[in-house]
Amino acid sequence: MNMKAAQVMHLEFRHLRTVKAIHEAGGLAKAADQLNITQSALSHQIKGLEDQAGLELFVRRSKPLKLSAAGMRLLRLAEQVLPQVAALEEEFRGIKAGKTGRLHIAIECHACYEWLFPVLEQFRKAWPDVDVDIRPGLQFQALPALQREEVDLVISSDPEELPGVDFTPLFDYEPVFVASAAHPLAAKPFVEAEDFRDELLITYPVDRARLDVFSELLIPARIEPRAVRQVELTAVILLLVASNRGVAVLPDWVVREVRYNSDYVTRPLTESGVTKRLYAATRDTETTLPFMSHVIRLARTEPIKLQRSGTAEEPQSA
């Protein structure tokens, strides 16, 4: 056995390109021109590759120059690998130019689905090569996942000082009390923490610390509702409220369609109302990527469009 055959081969992409070019050109001179190197350098490269393999890769006496059986196996590898390398290079060029990439989103705000889907529908049309996915940020810690690069954008109302993370303001919103028009609290101009003491409060299936009614009103006042019922869908929450089976607190953009429905009333939380702000959390190295900037811009404008469709009022600008 030739001892050279036992050597470890150090194949490089240039070797695969060389074998493919010689096969297609049928000679060293044309292949050298195609590869933009000298014929001498190409011959030296082939000799080095054959020394590594311990086998001849070309039938030297043939015209045009032909691959040996070993050379044909290397050609098949080149035809399999090089297109994948070219595709990866194109993908990297797209990422560098900001045309392609990944946009995996985690949502800490359960009601945000109401406005996020129209945003992503517009985004998809403008950036078809960006991989978009949504992960509910309720079953895991979304911001640490952002730092670990498991997700790329987090919608949150709780900004933190985190290294390497930007929090870009999206818009302000108002959590509002929603009840049946037949409910006793419907006669009040606004509701306070004490008003919830005897109520069945219908909420999303979210930790209390992430629910505005608890974080902004009930927890500071140390008030506990009579009962809490968790419901996944906004439409079901509104159905239960209209049936006078409980009360709810929802973002103003969610209740835009029921403000003029005689089955419901909406009231501010406290006399002065409560204002919250949503943020887009991104890694600081990606905040200014063209597609990231665009989705943030769309996220800022969509709630205003939704609000205009339901009322003449506009939410506060972030």
Protein backbone atom coordinates (compact mmCIF):
# COMPACT_ATOMS: atom_id res chain seq x y z
CA MET A 1 0.00 0.00 0.00
CA ASN A 2 1.26 3.47 -0.86
CA MET A 3 2.04 5.22 2.44
CA LYS A 4 0.89 8.51 0.96
CA ALA A 5 -2.59 7.07 0.65
CA ALA A 6 -2.74 6.78 4.41
CA GLN A 7 -2.11 10.49 4.86
CA VAL A 8 -4.95 12.70 6.05
CA MET A 9 -6.30 14.80 3.19
CA HIS A 10 -6.77 18.50 3.79
CA LEU A 11 -9.39 19.33 1.22
CA GLU A 12 -10.21 22.99 0.62
CA PHE A 13 -12.98 24.58 -1.39
CA ARG A 14 -10.37 25.72 -3.93
CA HIS A 15 -9.46 22.07 -4.56
CA LEU A 16 -13.07 21.24 -5.36
CA ARG A 17 -13.36 24.27 -7.62
CA THR A 18 -10.14 23.23 -9.40
CA VAL A 19 -11.33 19.70 -10.12
CA LYS A 20 -14.67 20.98 -11.38
CA ALA A 21 -13.06 23.67 -13.57
CA ILE A 22 -10.61 21.24 -15.22
CA HIS A 23 -13.40 18.76 -15.90
CA GLU A 24 -15.57 21.45 -17.51
CA ALA A 25 -12.70 23.15 -19.41
CA GLY A 26 -11.05 19.92 -20.59
CA GLY A 27 -7.52 21.28 -20.10
CA LEU A 28 -5.24 23.13 -17.68
CA ALA A 29 -4.86 26.33 -19.70
CA LYS A 30 -8.59 27.03 -19.99
CA ALA A 31 -9.20 26.00 -16.38
CA ALA A 32 -6.43 28.33 -15.18
CA ASP A 33 -8.04 31.22 -17.05
CA GLN A 34 -11.41 30.34 -15.56
CA LEU A 35 -9.96 30.24 -12.06
CA ASN A 36 -7.88 33.38 -12.67
CA ILE A 37 -4.57 31.73 -11.72
CA THR A 38 -1.49 30.76 -13.70
CA GLN A 39 -1.21 27.35 -15.32
CA SER A 40 1.92 26.69 -13.29
CA ALA A 41 0.10 27.43 -10.02
CA LEU A 42 -2.77 25.17 -11.10
CA SER A 43 -0.38 22.30 -11.91
CA HIS A 44 1.30 22.73 -8.54
CA GLN A 45 -2.08 22.64 -6.81
CA ILE A 46 -3.05 19.43 -8.59
CA LYS A 47 0.25 17.76 -7.72
CA GLY A 48 -0.17 18.69 -4.07
CA LEU A 49 -3.72 17.30 -4.03
CA GLU A 50 -2.62 14.04 -5.68
CA ASP A 51 0.24 13.73 -3.19
CA GLN A 52 -2.29 14.01 -0.37
CA ALA A 53 -4.62 11.46 -1.95
CA GLY A 54 -1.84 9.09 -2.97
CA LEU A 55 -3.73 8.64 -6.25
CA GLU A 56 -3.76 10.15 -9.69
CA LEU A 57 -6.82 12.32 -10.17
CA PHE A 58 -6.39 12.86 -13.93
CA VAL A 59 -5.59 10.69 -16.95
CA ARG A 60 -2.61 12.67 -18.21
CA ARG A 61 -2.40 11.27 -21.77
CA SER A 62 -5.99 12.00 -22.70
CA LYS A 63 -7.18 14.97 -24.70
CA PRO A 64 -9.26 16.64 -23.50
CA LEU A 65 -7.89 16.05 -20.02
CA LYS A 66 -10.08 13.52 -18.21
CA LEU A 67 -10.62 12.68 -14.58
CA SER A 68 -9.56 9.30 -13.25
CA ALA A 69 -11.97 7.17 -11.23
CA ALA A 70 -10.67 8.83 -8.05
CA GLY A 71 -10.97 12.23 -9.69
CA MET A 72 -14.60 11.50 -10.62
CA ARG A 73 -15.41 10.80 -6.99
CA LEU A 74 -13.89 14.14 -6.06
CA LEU A 75 -15.94 15.79 -8.81
CA ARG A 76 -19.16 14.32 -7.40
CA LEU A 77 -18.24 15.80 -4.02
CA ALA A 78 -17.57 19.17 -5.66
CA GLU A 79 -20.93 19.12 -7.44
CA GLN A 80 -22.65 18.41 -4.14
CA VAL A 81 -20.77 20.82 -1.89
CA LEU A 82 -20.03 23.87 -4.06
CA PRO A 83 -23.68 24.79 -4.74
CA GLN A 84 -24.33 24.69 -1.00
CA VAL A 85 -21.30 26.91 -0.39
CA ALA A 86 -22.50 29.33 -3.08
CA ALA A 87 -25.97 29.45 -1.51
CA LEU A 88 -24.45 30.15 1.90
CA GLU A 89 -22.26 32.89 0.48
CA GLU A 90 -25.33 34.48 -1.15
CA GLU A 91 -27.20 34.24 2.15
CA PHE A 92 -24.32 35.93 3.98
CA ARG A 93 -24.26 38.70 1.37
CA GLY A 94 -27.97 39.21 1.93
CA ILE A 95 -27.55 39.34 5.68
CA LYS A 96 -24.69 41.82 5.34
CA ALA A 97 -26.83 43.98 3.06
CA GLY A 98 -29.76 43.68 5.47
CA LYS A 99 -31.99 41.94 2.91
CA THR A 100 -32.23 38.54 4.57
CA GLY A 101 -32.00 37.23 8.09
CA ARG A 102 -34.04 35.82 10.93
CA LEU A 103 -36.82 37.51 12.86
CA HIS A 104 -37.97 35.23 15.64
CA ILE A 105 -40.25 37.16 17.97
CA ALA A 106 -41.15 36.55 21.61
CA ILE A 107 -44.21 38.31 23.01
CA GLU A 108 -44.51 39.10 26.72
CA CYS A 109 -47.75 41.00 26.04
CA HIS A 110 -50.51 38.47 25.43
CA ALA A 111 -52.90 40.96 23.81
CA CYS A 112 -50.18 42.06 21.37
CA TYR A 113 -51.30 39.40 18.92
CA GLU A 114 -54.22 41.68 18.12
CA TRP A 115 -51.97 44.20 16.35
CA LEU A 116 -48.84 42.18 15.62
CA PHE A 117 -50.33 39.93 12.93
CA PRO A 118 -51.25 42.85 10.64
CA VAL A 119 -47.71 44.18 11.17
CA LEU A 120 -46.15 40.86 10.14
CA GLU A 121 -48.43 40.59 7.11
CA GLN A 122 -47.09 43.93 5.85
CA PHE A 123 -43.54 42.94 6.80
CA ARG A 124 -43.75 39.62 4.92
CA LYS A 125 -44.59 41.39 1.68
CA ALA A 126 -41.64 43.78 2.02
CA TRP A 127 -39.08 41.22 3.26
CA PRO A 128 -39.97 37.80 1.79
CA ASP A 129 -36.46 36.40 2.41
CA VAL A 130 -36.50 37.03 6.17
CA ASP A 131 -37.39 33.97 8.26
CA VAL A 132 -40.25 35.03 10.57
CA ASP A 133 -41.53 33.05 13.54
CA ILE A 134 -43.38 33.84 16.77
CA ARG A 135 -42.71 32.27 20.13
CA PRO A 136 -45.08 33.16 22.98
CA GLY A 137 -42.85 34.78 25.59
CA LEU A 138 -45.06 33.47 28.36
CA GLN A 139 -43.61 30.00 28.80
CA PHE A 140 -39.97 31.10 29.09
CA GLN A 141 -37.86 34.12 29.99
CA ALA A 142 -37.92 36.09 26.77
CA LEU A 143 -35.21 38.66 27.47
CA PRO A 144 -32.53 36.13 28.50
CA ALA A 145 -33.52 34.18 25.37
CA LEU A 146 -32.86 37.35 23.37
CA GLN A 147 -29.38 37.62 24.88
CA ARG A 148 -28.72 33.95 24.06
CA GLU A 149 -29.77 34.65 20.44
CA GLU A 150 -32.66 32.19 20.66
CA VAL A 151 -35.04 34.98 19.59
CA ASP A 152 -34.37 38.28 17.83
CA LEU A 153 -37.14 40.63 18.98
CA VAL A 154 -39.08 40.78 22.23
CA ILE A 155 -42.27 42.80 22.66
CA SER A 156 -42.31 43.93 26.29
CA SER A 157 -43.73 46.60 28.56
CA ASP A 158 -41.01 46.08 31.17
CA PRO A 159 -37.67 47.53 30.00
CA GLU A 160 -34.57 46.51 31.92
CA GLU A 161 -30.92 47.53 31.97
CA LEU A 162 -29.44 44.59 30.13
CA PRO A 163 -25.99 44.49 28.50
CA GLY A 164 -26.18 44.32 24.73
CA VAL A 165 -29.94 44.96 24.56
CA ASP A 166 -31.74 48.01 23.15
CA PHE A 167 -35.30 48.89 24.17
CA THR A 168 -36.93 50.95 21.42
CA PRO A 169 -40.24 52.65 22.41
CA LEU A 170 -43.16 51.59 20.24
CA PHE A 171 -46.25 53.36 21.56
CA ASP A 172 -48.19 54.27 24.68
CA TYR A 173 -51.46 52.57 25.50
CA GLU A 174 -54.12 52.71 28.18
CA PRO A 175 -55.35 49.62 30.06
CA VAL A 176 -59.11 50.10 30.40
CA PHE A 177 -61.83 48.47 32.48
CA VAL A 178 -64.40 46.53 30.44
CA ALA A 179 -67.77 45.43 31.80
CA SER A 180 -71.27 44.64 30.68
CA ALA A 181 -73.53 47.67 30.27
CA ALA A 182 -75.76 46.00 32.86
CA HIS A 183 -72.97 45.79 35.45
CA PRO A 184 -73.31 48.05 38.54
CA LEU A 185 -69.85 49.55 37.90
CA ALA A 186 -71.05 50.75 34.49
CA ALA A 187 -72.54 53.79 36.22
CA LYS A 188 -69.14 54.97 37.48
CA PRO A 189 -66.99 57.38 35.42
CA PHE A 190 -63.85 55.41 36.39
CA VAL A 191 -62.93 52.41 38.54
CA GLU A 192 -60.46 52.06 41.39
CA ALA A 193 -58.71 49.13 43.02
CA GLU A 194 -61.41 48.74 45.67
CA ASP A 195 -64.05 48.19 42.98
CA PHE A 196 -62.46 44.86 42.07
CA ARG A 197 -62.75 43.35 45.56
CA ASP A 198 -66.11 41.65 44.92
CA GLU A 199 -65.60 40.97 41.21
CA LEU A 200 -64.74 37.94 39.12
CA LEU A 201 -61.81 39.23 37.09
CA ILE A 202 -61.27 37.62 33.68
CA THR A 203 -57.63 37.72 32.52
CA TYR A 204 -55.28 36.16 30.03
CA PRO A 205 -53.36 33.08 31.28
CA VAL A 206 -50.36 35.20 32.29
CA ASP A 207 -48.41 35.62 35.51
CA ARG A 208 -49.98 38.39 37.60
CA ALA A 209 -46.85 40.49 37.50
CA ARG A 210 -47.32 40.82 33.72
CA LEU A 211 -50.98 41.86 33.90
CA ASP A 212 -51.49 45.64 34.00
CA VAL A 213 -54.50 45.45 36.29
CA PHE A 214 -52.37 43.72 38.94
CA SER A 215 -49.03 45.47 38.44
CA GLU A 216 -50.48 48.99 38.15
CA LEU A 217 -53.53 48.81 40.39
CA LEU A 218 -54.31 45.81 42.56
CA ILE A 219 -50.89 44.77 43.85
CA PRO A 220 -49.92 48.30 44.99
CA ALA A 221 -53.33 48.66 46.69
CA ARG A 222 -53.13 45.13 48.17
CA ILE A 223 -56.56 44.30 46.79
CA GLU A 224 -57.54 40.77 45.79
CA PRO A 225 -60.51 40.15 43.47
CA ARG A 226 -63.20 37.74 44.59
CA ALA A 227 -62.02 35.32 41.91
CA VAL A 228 -59.83 35.23 38.80
CA ARG A 229 -60.70 33.30 35.66
CA GLN A 230 -58.05 32.84 32.99
CA VAL A 231 -59.11 32.79 29.34
CA GLU A 232 -56.84 32.41 26.31
CA LEU A 233 -58.78 34.28 23.62
CA THR A 234 -59.76 37.95 23.62
CA ALA A 235 -63.02 37.18 21.82
CA VAL A 236 -64.03 34.76 24.60
CA ILE A 237 -63.12 37.31 27.29
CA LEU A 238 -65.40 39.87 25.61
CA LEU A 239 -68.16 37.28 25.22
CA LEU A 240 -68.06 36.50 28.95
CA VAL A 241 -67.99 40.18 29.85
CA ALA A 242 -70.98 40.93 27.61
CA SER A 243 -72.86 38.09 29.38
CA ASN A 244 -72.09 39.81 32.71
CA ARG A 245 -70.09 36.82 33.92
CA GLY A 246 -67.14 38.91 34.99
CA VAL A 247 -65.12 42.03 34.26
CA ALA A 248 -61.79 42.53 32.51
CA VAL A 249 -58.99 45.02 31.94
CA LEU A 250 -57.67 45.15 28.38
CA PRO A 251 -55.43 47.46 26.31
CA ASP A 252 -57.35 50.24 24.58
CA TRP A 253 -56.44 48.94 21.12
CA VAL A 254 -58.14 45.61 21.94
CA VAL A 255 -61.47 47.20 22.88
CA ARG A 256 -61.60 49.69 20.01
CA GLU A 257 -64.50 47.77 18.42
CA VAL A 258 -66.63 47.49 21.56
CA ARG A 259 -66.49 51.14 22.59
CA TYR A 260 -69.55 51.81 20.47
CA ASN A 261 -71.27 48.51 21.28
CA SER A 262 -74.18 49.04 23.67
CA ASP A 263 -73.49 45.67 25.34
CA TYR A 264 -70.25 47.00 26.87
CA VAL A 265 -68.85 49.91 28.81
CA THR A 266 -65.17 50.87 29.04
CA ARG A 267 -63.85 53.00 31.87
CA PRO A 268 -60.41 54.35 32.88
CA LEU A 269 -58.47 52.80 35.74
CA THR A 270 -58.49 55.56 38.39
CA GLU A 271 -59.64 59.11 37.78
CA SER A 272 -56.47 60.09 35.93
CA GLY A 273 -56.18 56.82 34.00
CA VAL A 274 -53.12 54.57 33.59
CA THR A 275 -50.64 54.83 30.75
CA LYS A 276 -48.21 52.08 29.79
CA ARG A 277 -45.60 51.87 27.04
CA LEU A 278 -44.61 48.96 24.83
CA TYR A 279 -41.03 48.43 23.71
CA ALA A 280 -39.22 46.41 21.07
CA ALA A 281 -36.20 44.76 22.69
CA THR A 282 -33.41 43.83 20.28
CA ARG A 283 -29.73 43.02 20.44
CA ASP A 284 -27.86 46.31 20.02
CA THR A 285 -25.87 44.88 17.10
CA GLU A 286 -29.10 44.27 15.15
CA THR A 287 -31.35 47.21 16.04
CA THR A 288 -30.36 49.18 12.95
CA LEU A 289 -30.57 46.30 10.47
CA PRO A 290 -32.86 47.48 7.65
CA PHE A 291 -35.47 44.77 8.15
CA MET A 292 -35.42 45.22 11.95
CA SER A 293 -35.86 48.97 11.62
CA HIS A 294 -38.76 48.40 9.25
CA VAL A 295 -40.67 45.98 11.49
CA ILE A 296 -40.24 48.37 14.43
CA ARG A 297 -41.56 51.22 12.30
CA LEU A 298 -44.57 49.14 11.26
CA ALA A 299 -45.20 48.14 14.88
CA ARG A 300 -45.32 51.80 15.86
CA THR A 301 -47.87 52.78 13.22
CA GLU A 302 -50.24 49.81 13.24
CA PRO A 303 -51.94 50.60 16.62
CA ILE A 304 -52.60 54.14 15.39
CA LYS A 305 -54.29 52.74 12.27
CA LEU A 306 -56.33 50.35 14.39
CA GLN A 307 -57.33 53.14 16.76
CA ARG A 308 -58.43 55.37 13.89
CA SER A 309 -60.60 52.57 12.56
CA GLY A 310 -62.57 52.46 15.81
CA THR A 311 -62.53 55.99 17.17
CA ALA A 312 -61.48 59.50 16.32
CA GLU A 313 -58.98 59.49 19.14
CA GLU A 314 -55.34 58.55 18.66
CA PRO A 315 -53.01 56.91 21.18
CA GLN A 316 -50.17 58.94 22.56
CA SER A 317 -47.00 58.95 20.52
CA ALA A 318 -44.12 56.98 22.01
